[in-house]
Structure formats: C-alpha cells, structure tokens
Protein backbone atom coordinates (compact mmCIF):
# COMPACT_ATOMS: atom_id res chain seq x y z
CA MET A 1 -0.11 -0.22 -0.12
CA PHE A 2 2.62 2.33 1.07
CA ALA A 3 4.73 1.48 -2.35
CA LYS A 4 1.84 2.67 -4.09
CA LEU A 5 1.12 5.96 -2.35
CA GLU A 6 4.95 6.84 -2.89
CA PHE A 7 4.25 6.17 -6.68
CA VAL A 8 1.04 8.53 -6.75
CA GLU A 9 2.82 11.13 -4.72
CA GLN A 10 5.73 11.05 -7.33
CA ARG A 11 3.11 11.06 -10.18
CA TYR A 12 1.38 14.22 -8.68
CA GLU A 13 4.56 16.48 -8.41
CA GLU A 14 5.62 15.38 -12.25
CA ILE A 15 2.12 16.18 -13.20
CA ASN A 16 2.59 19.42 -11.28
CA LYS A 17 5.57 19.97 -13.65
CA LYS A 18 4.18 19.35 -16.86
CA LEU A 19 0.84 21.50 -16.14
CA SER A 20 3.44 24.60 -15.87
CA ASP A 21 4.85 23.53 -19.07
CA SER A 22 4.13 25.72 -21.81
CA GLU A 23 3.94 23.03 -24.52
CA VAL A 24 1.65 21.06 -22.60
CA ILE A 25 -0.49 24.10 -21.88
CA SER A 26 -0.60 24.79 -25.81
CA ASN A 27 -1.91 21.03 -26.32
CA GLN A 28 -5.36 21.44 -24.75
CA GLU A 29 -6.18 17.53 -25.09
CA GLU A 30 -2.71 16.71 -23.08
CA TRP A 31 -3.54 19.57 -20.61
CA ARG A 32 -6.89 18.55 -19.89
CA LYS A 33 -6.23 14.65 -19.75
CA LEU A 34 -3.31 15.90 -17.25
CA MET A 35 -5.71 18.36 -15.04
CA LYS A 36 -8.19 15.11 -14.70
CA GLU A 37 -5.19 12.78 -13.48
CA HIS A 38 -4.31 15.42 -11.28
CA SER A 39 -7.75 16.13 -9.82
CA ASP A 40 -8.21 12.43 -9.40
CA ILE A 41 -5.16 11.69 -7.21
CA GLU A 42 -4.88 14.99 -5.25
CA GLU A 43 -7.01 13.87 -2.31
CA ILE A 44 -5.11 10.79 -1.89
CA VAL A 45 -1.73 12.89 -2.24
CA VAL A 46 -2.93 15.20 0.33
CA LYS A 47 -4.29 12.51 2.89
CA TYR A 48 -0.99 10.45 2.51
CA ARG A 49 1.00 13.70 3.45
CA GLU A 50 -1.37 14.14 6.27
CA TYR A 51 -0.33 10.10 7.08
CA LYS A 52 3.14 10.94 6.86
CA LYS A 53 2.96 14.44 8.98
CA THR A 54 1.00 12.55 11.57
CA LYS A 55 4.05 9.85 11.95
CA GLY A 56 6.54 12.56 12.04
CA THR A 57 4.58 14.01 15.25
CA ILE A 58 3.93 10.36 16.93
CA LYS A 59 8.05 9.87 16.50
CA GLU A 60 8.93 13.21 17.71
CA ALA A 61 6.95 12.55 20.93
CA ARG A 62 8.08 9.38 21.67
CA GLU A 63 11.74 10.97 21.49
CA LEU A 64 10.99 13.37 23.73
CA LEU A 65 9.72 10.88 26.29
CA GLU A 66 12.91 8.91 25.91
CA ASP A 67 14.65 12.33 27.21
CA LYS A 68 12.87 11.87 30.46
CA PRO A 69 11.52 15.45 30.49
CA ASP A 70 10.13 17.20 33.39
CA ARG A 71 6.47 16.34 34.49
CA GLU A 72 4.72 18.96 32.18
CA MET A 73 6.73 18.41 29.11
CA ARG A 74 5.82 14.49 29.48
CA GLU A 75 2.01 15.03 30.27
CA LEU A 76 2.12 17.11 26.92
CA ALA A 77 4.42 14.41 25.09
CA GLU A 78 1.99 11.78 26.27
CA LEU A 79 -1.07 13.45 25.32
CA GLU A 80 0.23 14.65 21.85
CA LEU A 81 1.34 10.72 21.40
CA GLN A 82 -2.17 9.23 22.46
CA GLU A 83 -3.91 11.81 19.92
CA SER A 84 -1.55 11.63 17.08
CA THR A 85 -1.68 7.63 17.45
CA GLU A 86 -5.62 7.48 17.43
CA LYS A 87 -5.38 10.08 14.14
CA LEU A 88 -2.88 7.99 12.35
CA GLU A 89 -5.41 5.09 12.90
CA LYS A 90 -8.11 6.89 11.19
CA VAL A 91 -5.97 8.42 8.35
CA GLU A 92 -4.72 5.17 7.44
CA GLU A 93 -8.26 3.78 7.11
CA GLU A 94 -9.11 6.71 5.10
CA LEU A 95 -6.45 5.90 2.83
CA LYS A 96 -7.19 2.45 2.23
CA ILE A 97 -10.79 3.70 1.02
CA LEU A 98 -9.35 6.21 -1.03
CA LEU A 99 -7.16 3.62 -2.91
CA LEU A 100 -10.12 1.41 -3.54
CA PRO A 101 -10.66 1.00 -7.33
CA LYS A 102 -13.04 3.97 -8.33
CA ASP A 103 -15.92 3.07 -10.26
CA PRO A 104 -15.15 4.98 -13.67
CA ASN A 105 -19.12 5.92 -13.95
CA ASP A 106 -19.01 7.55 -10.38
CA ASP A 107 -18.72 11.34 -11.85
CA LYS A 108 -21.16 10.86 -14.58
CA ASN A 109 -24.86 12.27 -14.93
CA VAL A 110 -27.70 9.68 -14.50
CA ILE A 111 -30.68 8.62 -16.22
CA VAL A 112 -33.40 7.13 -13.85
CA GLU A 113 -36.12 5.26 -15.09
CA ILE A 114 -39.14 4.97 -12.47
CA ARG A 115 -42.05 2.57 -13.62
CA GLY A 116 -44.92 1.39 -11.30
CA GLY A 117 -45.18 -2.21 -10.84
CA ALA A 118 -47.87 -4.26 -8.88
CA GLY A 119 -50.60 -2.21 -7.23
CA GLY A 120 -52.03 -0.27 -10.21
CA ASP A 121 -52.82 3.47 -9.79
CA GLU A 122 -51.33 3.27 -6.39
CA ALA A 123 -47.89 1.88 -7.60
CA ALA A 124 -48.37 5.00 -10.45
CA LEU A 125 -49.06 7.36 -7.47
CA PHE A 126 -45.89 6.03 -5.54
CA ALA A 127 -44.09 6.55 -8.85
CA GLY A 128 -44.98 10.22 -8.56
CA VAL A 129 -43.68 10.19 -5.12
CA LEU A 130 -40.35 8.75 -5.91
CA PHE A 131 -39.82 10.91 -8.72
CA ARG A 132 -40.42 14.08 -6.55
CA LEU A 133 -38.20 12.46 -3.75
CA TYR A 134 -35.31 12.45 -6.48
CA SER A 135 -36.23 15.71 -8.02
CA ARG A 136 -36.00 17.47 -4.64
CA TYR A 137 -32.69 15.61 -3.72
CA ALA A 138 -31.09 17.05 -6.83
CA GLU A 139 -32.57 20.32 -6.13
CA ARG A 140 -30.78 20.06 -2.54
CA ASN A 141 -27.31 19.10 -4.22
CA ARG A 142 -27.75 21.92 -6.82
CA TRP A 143 -28.12 19.09 -9.80
CA ARG A 144 -30.41 19.71 -12.77
CA ALA A 145 -33.40 17.41 -13.43
CA GLU A 146 -35.14 17.13 -16.54
CA ILE A 147 -37.90 14.81 -17.93
CA MET A 148 -36.46 12.78 -20.72
CA SER A 149 -39.84 10.64 -21.40
CA SER A 150 -43.13 10.35 -19.26
CA ASN A 151 -46.45 8.24 -19.10
CA PRO A 152 -48.53 10.10 -16.85
CA THR A 153 -51.98 9.16 -14.98
CA GLY A 154 -54.86 11.11 -14.82
CA LEU A 155 -54.35 10.68 -10.73
CA GLY A 156 -51.09 12.63 -10.79
CA GLY A 157 -48.71 9.56 -10.78
CA PHE A 158 -46.72 7.83 -13.77
CA LYS A 159 -47.00 4.52 -15.39
CA GLU A 160 -43.31 5.29 -16.38
CA VAL A 161 -41.24 8.40 -16.25
CA ILE A 162 -37.43 8.65 -17.22
CA PHE A 163 -35.51 11.85 -16.18
CA MET A 164 -32.05 13.07 -16.46
CA ILE A 165 -30.08 14.43 -13.44
CA GLU A 166 -26.87 16.40 -13.97
CA GLY A 167 -24.35 16.95 -11.77
CA LYS A 168 -20.77 15.93 -10.71
CA GLY A 169 -21.08 12.80 -8.62
CA ALA A 170 -24.51 12.33 -9.46
CA TYR A 171 -24.16 8.55 -10.11
CA SER A 172 -21.74 7.85 -7.31
CA ARG A 173 -24.70 8.93 -4.82
CA LEU A 174 -27.62 7.51 -6.84
CA LYS A 175 -26.39 3.87 -8.21
CA PHE A 176 -27.59 2.15 -5.24
CA GLU A 177 -31.35 3.16 -5.54
CA SER A 178 -31.58 0.88 -8.52
CA GLY A 179 -34.26 -2.21 -7.57
CA VAL A 180 -37.45 -2.56 -6.44
CA HIS A 181 -38.90 0.18 -3.91
CA ARG A 182 -42.17 -1.23 -1.95
CA VAL A 183 -44.82 0.87 -0.31
CA GLN A 184 -47.16 0.18 2.48
CA ARG A 185 -50.16 2.76 2.89
CA VAL A 186 -53.77 3.40 3.00
CA PRO A 187 -54.70 4.74 -0.49
CA ALA A 188 -56.94 7.90 -0.54
CA THR A 189 -59.65 5.78 -2.70
CA GLU A 190 -59.72 3.18 -0.21
CA ALA A 191 -62.61 3.78 2.01
CA SER A 192 -62.29 0.94 4.46
CA GLY A 193 -58.93 2.16 5.35
CA ARG A 194 -56.87 -1.26 4.44
CA ILE A 195 -53.36 -0.73 3.81
CA HIS A 196 -52.16 -1.78 0.45
CA THR A 197 -48.53 -2.78 -0.63
CA SER A 198 -47.44 -1.81 -4.14
CA THR A 199 -44.44 -1.76 -5.89
CA VAL A 200 -42.14 0.39 -7.85
CA THR A 201 -39.24 -0.34 -10.07
CA VAL A 202 -36.02 1.90 -10.31
CA ALA A 203 -33.00 1.82 -12.36
CA VAL A 204 -30.30 4.36 -12.61
CA LEU A 205 -27.87 4.37 -15.41
CA PRO A 206 -24.66 6.34 -15.81
CA GLU A 207 -25.10 8.56 -18.89
CA VAL A 208 -22.57 7.62 -21.66
CA GLU A 209 -21.04 9.53 -24.38
CA ASP A 210 -20.99 8.16 -28.16
CA VAL A 211 -17.40 6.95 -28.16
CA GLU A 212 -18.33 4.73 -25.18
CA VAL A 213 -20.87 3.29 -26.70
CA GLU A 214 -20.89 2.85 -30.75
CA ILE A 215 -24.46 2.54 -32.11
CA ASN A 216 -24.67 1.61 -35.91
CA THR A 217 -26.92 3.35 -37.47
CA ASN A 218 -28.20 0.46 -40.04
CA ASP A 219 -29.14 -1.30 -36.80
CA LEU A 220 -31.97 1.17 -35.82
CA ARG A 221 -35.25 1.24 -36.76
CA ILE A 222 -36.86 5.00 -36.25
CA ASP A 223 -40.51 5.69 -36.32
CA VAL A 224 -42.54 8.96 -35.80
CA PHE A 225 -45.95 9.17 -34.59
CA ARG A 226 -48.07 11.67 -33.29
CA ALA A 227 -47.65 12.40 -29.43
CA GLY A 228 -50.60 11.23 -27.00
CA GLY A 229 -51.79 12.34 -23.67
CA PRO A 230 -52.67 15.34 -22.19
CA GLY A 231 -53.85 18.35 -24.42
CA GLY A 232 -51.64 21.08 -25.29
CA GLN A 233 -50.20 22.79 -28.58
CA CYS A 234 -48.91 20.21 -31.18
CA VAL A 235 -50.53 16.89 -29.41
CA ASN A 236 -52.13 15.07 -31.95
CA THR A 237 -51.38 17.33 -34.27
CA THR A 238 -47.55 16.76 -35.72
CA ASP A 239 -45.45 13.64 -36.08
CA SER A 240 -43.10 14.99 -33.34
CA ALA A 241 -43.19 11.70 -30.89
CA VAL A 242 -40.17 9.45 -31.67
CA ARG A 243 -39.46 5.64 -31.26
CA ILE A 244 -36.18 4.03 -31.78
CA THR A 245 -35.57 0.34 -31.84
CA HIS A 246 -32.06 -1.32 -31.56
CA ILE A 247 -32.72 -4.22 -34.10
CA PRO A 248 -29.86 -6.41 -32.60
CA THR A 249 -31.14 -6.24 -28.89
CA GLY A 250 -34.40 -5.66 -29.48
CA LEU A 251 -34.24 -2.82 -27.13
CA VAL A 252 -37.11 0.33 -27.72
CA VAL A 253 -36.93 3.72 -26.47
CA SER A 254 -39.83 6.12 -27.21
CA CYS A 255 -39.99 10.00 -26.59
CA GLN A 256 -42.90 12.39 -26.89
CA ASP A 257 -42.31 14.92 -24.52
CA GLU A 258 -40.65 17.60 -26.74
CA LYS A 259 -42.87 19.43 -29.32
CA SER A 260 -39.77 19.10 -31.37
CA GLN A 261 -39.20 15.73 -33.35
CA HIS A 262 -35.37 16.39 -33.36
CA LYS A 263 -35.30 17.17 -29.51
CA ASN A 264 -37.34 13.96 -28.74
CA LYS A 265 -35.14 12.19 -31.24
CA ASP A 266 -32.09 13.11 -29.35
CA LYS A 267 -33.61 12.43 -25.90
CA ALA A 268 -34.33 8.82 -27.06
CA MET A 269 -30.75 8.27 -28.58
CA ARG A 270 -29.28 9.54 -25.09
CA ILE A 271 -31.58 6.57 -23.03
CA LEU A 272 -30.80 3.98 -25.77
CA ARG A 273 -27.24 4.49 -25.27
CA ALA A 274 -27.25 4.26 -21.42
CA ARG A 275 -29.36 1.07 -21.74
CA LEU A 276 -26.92 -0.56 -24.10
CA PHE A 277 -24.18 0.50 -21.65
CA GLU A 278 -25.98 -1.25 -18.76
CA LYS A 279 -26.42 -4.43 -21.00
CA MET A 280 -22.81 -4.06 -21.94
CA GLN A 281 -21.94 -4.18 -17.93
CA GLU A 282 -24.63 -6.84 -16.79
CA GLU A 283 -22.71 -9.20 -19.48
CA GLN A 284 -19.35 -8.08 -17.83
CA ASN A 285 -20.89 -8.42 -14.25
CA ALA A 286 -21.93 -12.16 -15.19
CA GLU A 287 -18.47 -13.09 -16.13
CA VAL A 288 -16.97 -11.87 -12.99
CA ALA A 289 -20.20 -12.88 -10.75
CA GLN A 290 -17.84 -13.71 -7.36
CA ALA A 291 -16.98 -9.97 -7.42
CA ARG A 292 -20.58 -8.71 -7.73
CA LYS A 293 -21.01 -10.42 -4.11
CA SER A 294 -18.74 -7.54 -2.36
CA GLN A 295 -21.33 -4.95 -3.53
CA VAL A 296 -24.25 -3.55 -1.81
CA GLY A 297 -26.09 -4.07 -4.84
CA THR A 298 -26.52 -1.79 -8.10
CA GLY A 299 -28.60 -2.49 -11.18
CA ASP A 300 -30.25 -5.41 -10.41
CA ARG A 301 -34.00 -4.20 -10.99
CA SER A 302 -35.50 -7.58 -9.57
CA GLU A 303 -33.84 -7.18 -6.34
CA ARG A 304 -36.21 -5.86 -3.50
CA ILE A 305 -34.15 -2.98 -1.68
CA ARG A 306 -36.45 -0.99 0.30
CA THR A 307 -39.78 -0.55 1.97
CA TYR A 308 -41.72 2.41 2.82
CA ASN A 309 -44.15 2.27 5.47
CA PHE A 310 -46.50 5.35 5.68
CA PRO A 311 -48.93 4.10 8.83
CA GLN A 312 -45.49 3.77 10.91
CA GLY A 313 -43.43 6.63 9.18
CA ARG A 314 -40.48 4.65 8.52
CA VAL A 315 -38.14 3.73 5.87
CA THR A 316 -36.46 0.26 5.63
CA ASP A 317 -33.47 -0.73 3.37
CA HIS A 318 -33.23 -4.69 3.51
CA ARG A 319 -29.60 -4.78 2.06
CA ILE A 320 -27.74 -3.12 4.99
CA GLY A 321 -30.64 -3.53 7.51
CA LEU A 322 -31.18 0.03 8.23
CA THR A 323 -34.72 1.66 9.25
CA LEU A 324 -35.22 5.54 9.61
CA TYR A 325 -38.30 6.83 11.23
CA LYS A 326 -38.26 10.11 9.42
CA LEU A 327 -40.65 9.00 6.15
CA ASP A 328 -42.12 12.40 5.85
CA THR A 329 -38.31 14.30 5.30
CA PHE A 330 -37.16 11.16 3.32
CA VAL A 331 -39.83 11.55 0.65
CA ASP A 332 -38.81 15.28 0.39
CA GLY A 333 -35.25 14.43 -0.69
CA GLU A 334 -33.67 13.86 2.79
CA ILE A 335 -31.93 10.88 1.85
CA TYR A 336 -28.42 11.73 2.74
CA GLU A 337 -28.27 9.33 5.93
CA MET A 338 -29.52 6.29 3.71
CA ILE A 339 -27.01 6.96 0.88
CA ASP A 340 -23.91 7.49 3.23
CA ALA A 341 -24.66 4.07 5.04
CA LEU A 342 -25.07 2.56 1.64
CA ILE A 343 -21.63 3.90 0.41
CA THR A 344 -20.01 3.24 3.69
CA SER A 345 -21.12 -0.35 3.73
CA ASP A 346 -20.27 -0.94 0.14
CA ARG A 347 -16.81 0.23 1.05
CA SER A 348 -16.62 -2.01 3.99
CA GLU A 349 -17.30 -4.94 1.88
CA LYS A 350 -14.92 -3.98 -0.65
CA LEU A 351 -12.22 -3.26 1.98
CA LYS A 352 -13.07 -6.93 3.57
CA ALA A 353 -12.97 -8.62 0.23
CA GLY A 354 -9.54 -6.78 -0.56
CA SER A 355 -7.91 -7.99 2.68
CA GLU A 356 -9.24 -11.57 2.39
CA THR A 357 -7.50 -11.67 -1.11
CA ASP A 358 -4.20 -10.18 0.23
C-alpha cells in the first residue's frame, strides 16, 4: 500500500511540473487529460501527506519521552502521542478507502427510470412520489433534473417516467437506488382504510457518450408518430413523437414530451445509449459474478431493496438493515443518511474482500 502511495505522490509532482510547461499548456487535449488525472489523485496525495506528518509527530513525541523530560513536558508529550496515534489509525483507514478501485462512472450524470409495478393506480402514484423525492434531492445538491420521457396518469402519478439528473458525482450518490421499492400505505381511494402494498421499480443508469457505446445507424429502426396524452399545442397534430428500436438487442425507446421531433430523437438516443451500456455492464458482471458479492447491490431491477411504511412513518433498506423513522422528510429528498450508509457499507465490503485476497 505504501509503495503505491509513494508512486502516486511522485506522479502528482510530475504532473504539477508538466502543467506549468508551455508546450503542455498549448496542447489542450493533453492539458485536460493531465488536469483530470491531477484531480483524481490529489485527495490521495493530501491524505498521504497528512499520514506522514502524523507519523512524524508520533516519532517526535516518543523521542521527547525517551529524554525523560520534566512532568509538564512529559504530560504534553503523552497527550500528543495518544491523540496522534488515534489520528494515524483514522487516516490510514481513510487512505485504504481512497485507494479502492474507483467506479469509472461515479462522476457521470444519471438517467433514472421509474416504473409502476404491482398495485395499479397506487403504484403509479408512488412512482410520482419517488420522482419528486429524487427531484428534491437533486435540488438540494444544486443538480439539474430534466424529464426525458413520461407516461403520466390522470391521478397525478406515472406509469413510467424517465429523467436525467446532471451534476458532478450524481451516479456515485444514486447508483444504489436501482431495484424494487415497496410502499405500504392506505390509498386515498380506499374507503375501508386497509393498508395496500404496491411496488415501483427504479433503474439508475450512468449517462454515456457516443465514444463509449458505438451505435451503427443501420441497426436502428426509427418511427415517428403523433404524441398522445394530456392536451396542448402540437399534441395529436404533428408527428413529433419518436420511437427508436435497436434491432440487434430488441431495445425500444420512445420519447414524446418535446414538441420538436429532433429533441425527442436526441433524448431517445441518450436513453438508448445508457440502456445499451447497462446491458454491456451486466454481461461483464456475469463473467465476474464472484466480484458482485462484495457489492451492496447496483443495477439489479428485480431485487427488493427498500420498504416505505407510511402508517408507521418508517423507511427500511433491506440490504443493510437500516430503518429510519423520518419518512416525511425522506420522501421530500432528505435521503443523505441512507445514501451515506449504503456507500459506507459498500466500501466496508470491498475492504473486507480486498483483505481476504491479500
């Protein structure tokens, strides 16, 4: 571990020198590449230097104690030694986490797909609740949310809603939200007051660029049709809606929210790229199924991950066994505690898996 840290620190200094080189500055592509690498390793270098400084403080305190100082100096040295030793353990654990292999998708924007499952209208209504939850969470992080495609119901819910969240680190924070979300509550339309159980599926996909997923235009069938749904200008009057079928995989994406056929096609292509990328990743993960045992769970749409119990005001994540009794604020986007716990659990499992293979 420390040999790796020394190498990273040397590389950091090497990049610093290159970034002040006029030839590198004039080559924008090279400069951007180095800046990204600099940004990726800077936190590790800062933490490693903190580690070395703390070790130095411990050494000085021990040397001072060996010199048999007077009582006051001895007490100060012992306190310094105790505090620095505790700090060293903490910093070393933080370094281990920073050295874990980084998910290359973590800094990407996300495409979130929410679909009503079992439960009919109640499931569609809860799909609307989850859409608001993630929209509010995006607002709290000063990220931008934009609907890509939607199929609303007359009661204010969604049979399906697909939206983009743009913001640095969006995928790293939301990737554990994929799966089946279960809701237990009394529907507003239920006269007898019985608690109903409904489900909604959520898929969180990283946005991908053209270069990451190559799509042959000959593999696409593009159909245009008139948009349906609630009234409004251009609805049912122009062929603005777009349906794209990827023939080799059978994936189909439709978009009709925009008045412009060009904008609908652009959104549909972004969703298609994300789904094709997800399919590629699933195939890769199947080849290394053992590695997936060390993950909290990302991307499996069939896995029941969470229950929202409205009568008891609680939300429970079944993967990590965490229950929070703050459902009202949770569905308003206050999901930081849950997400932090999921990230911590995932890191712990990966550290454990790493120590077992060492």
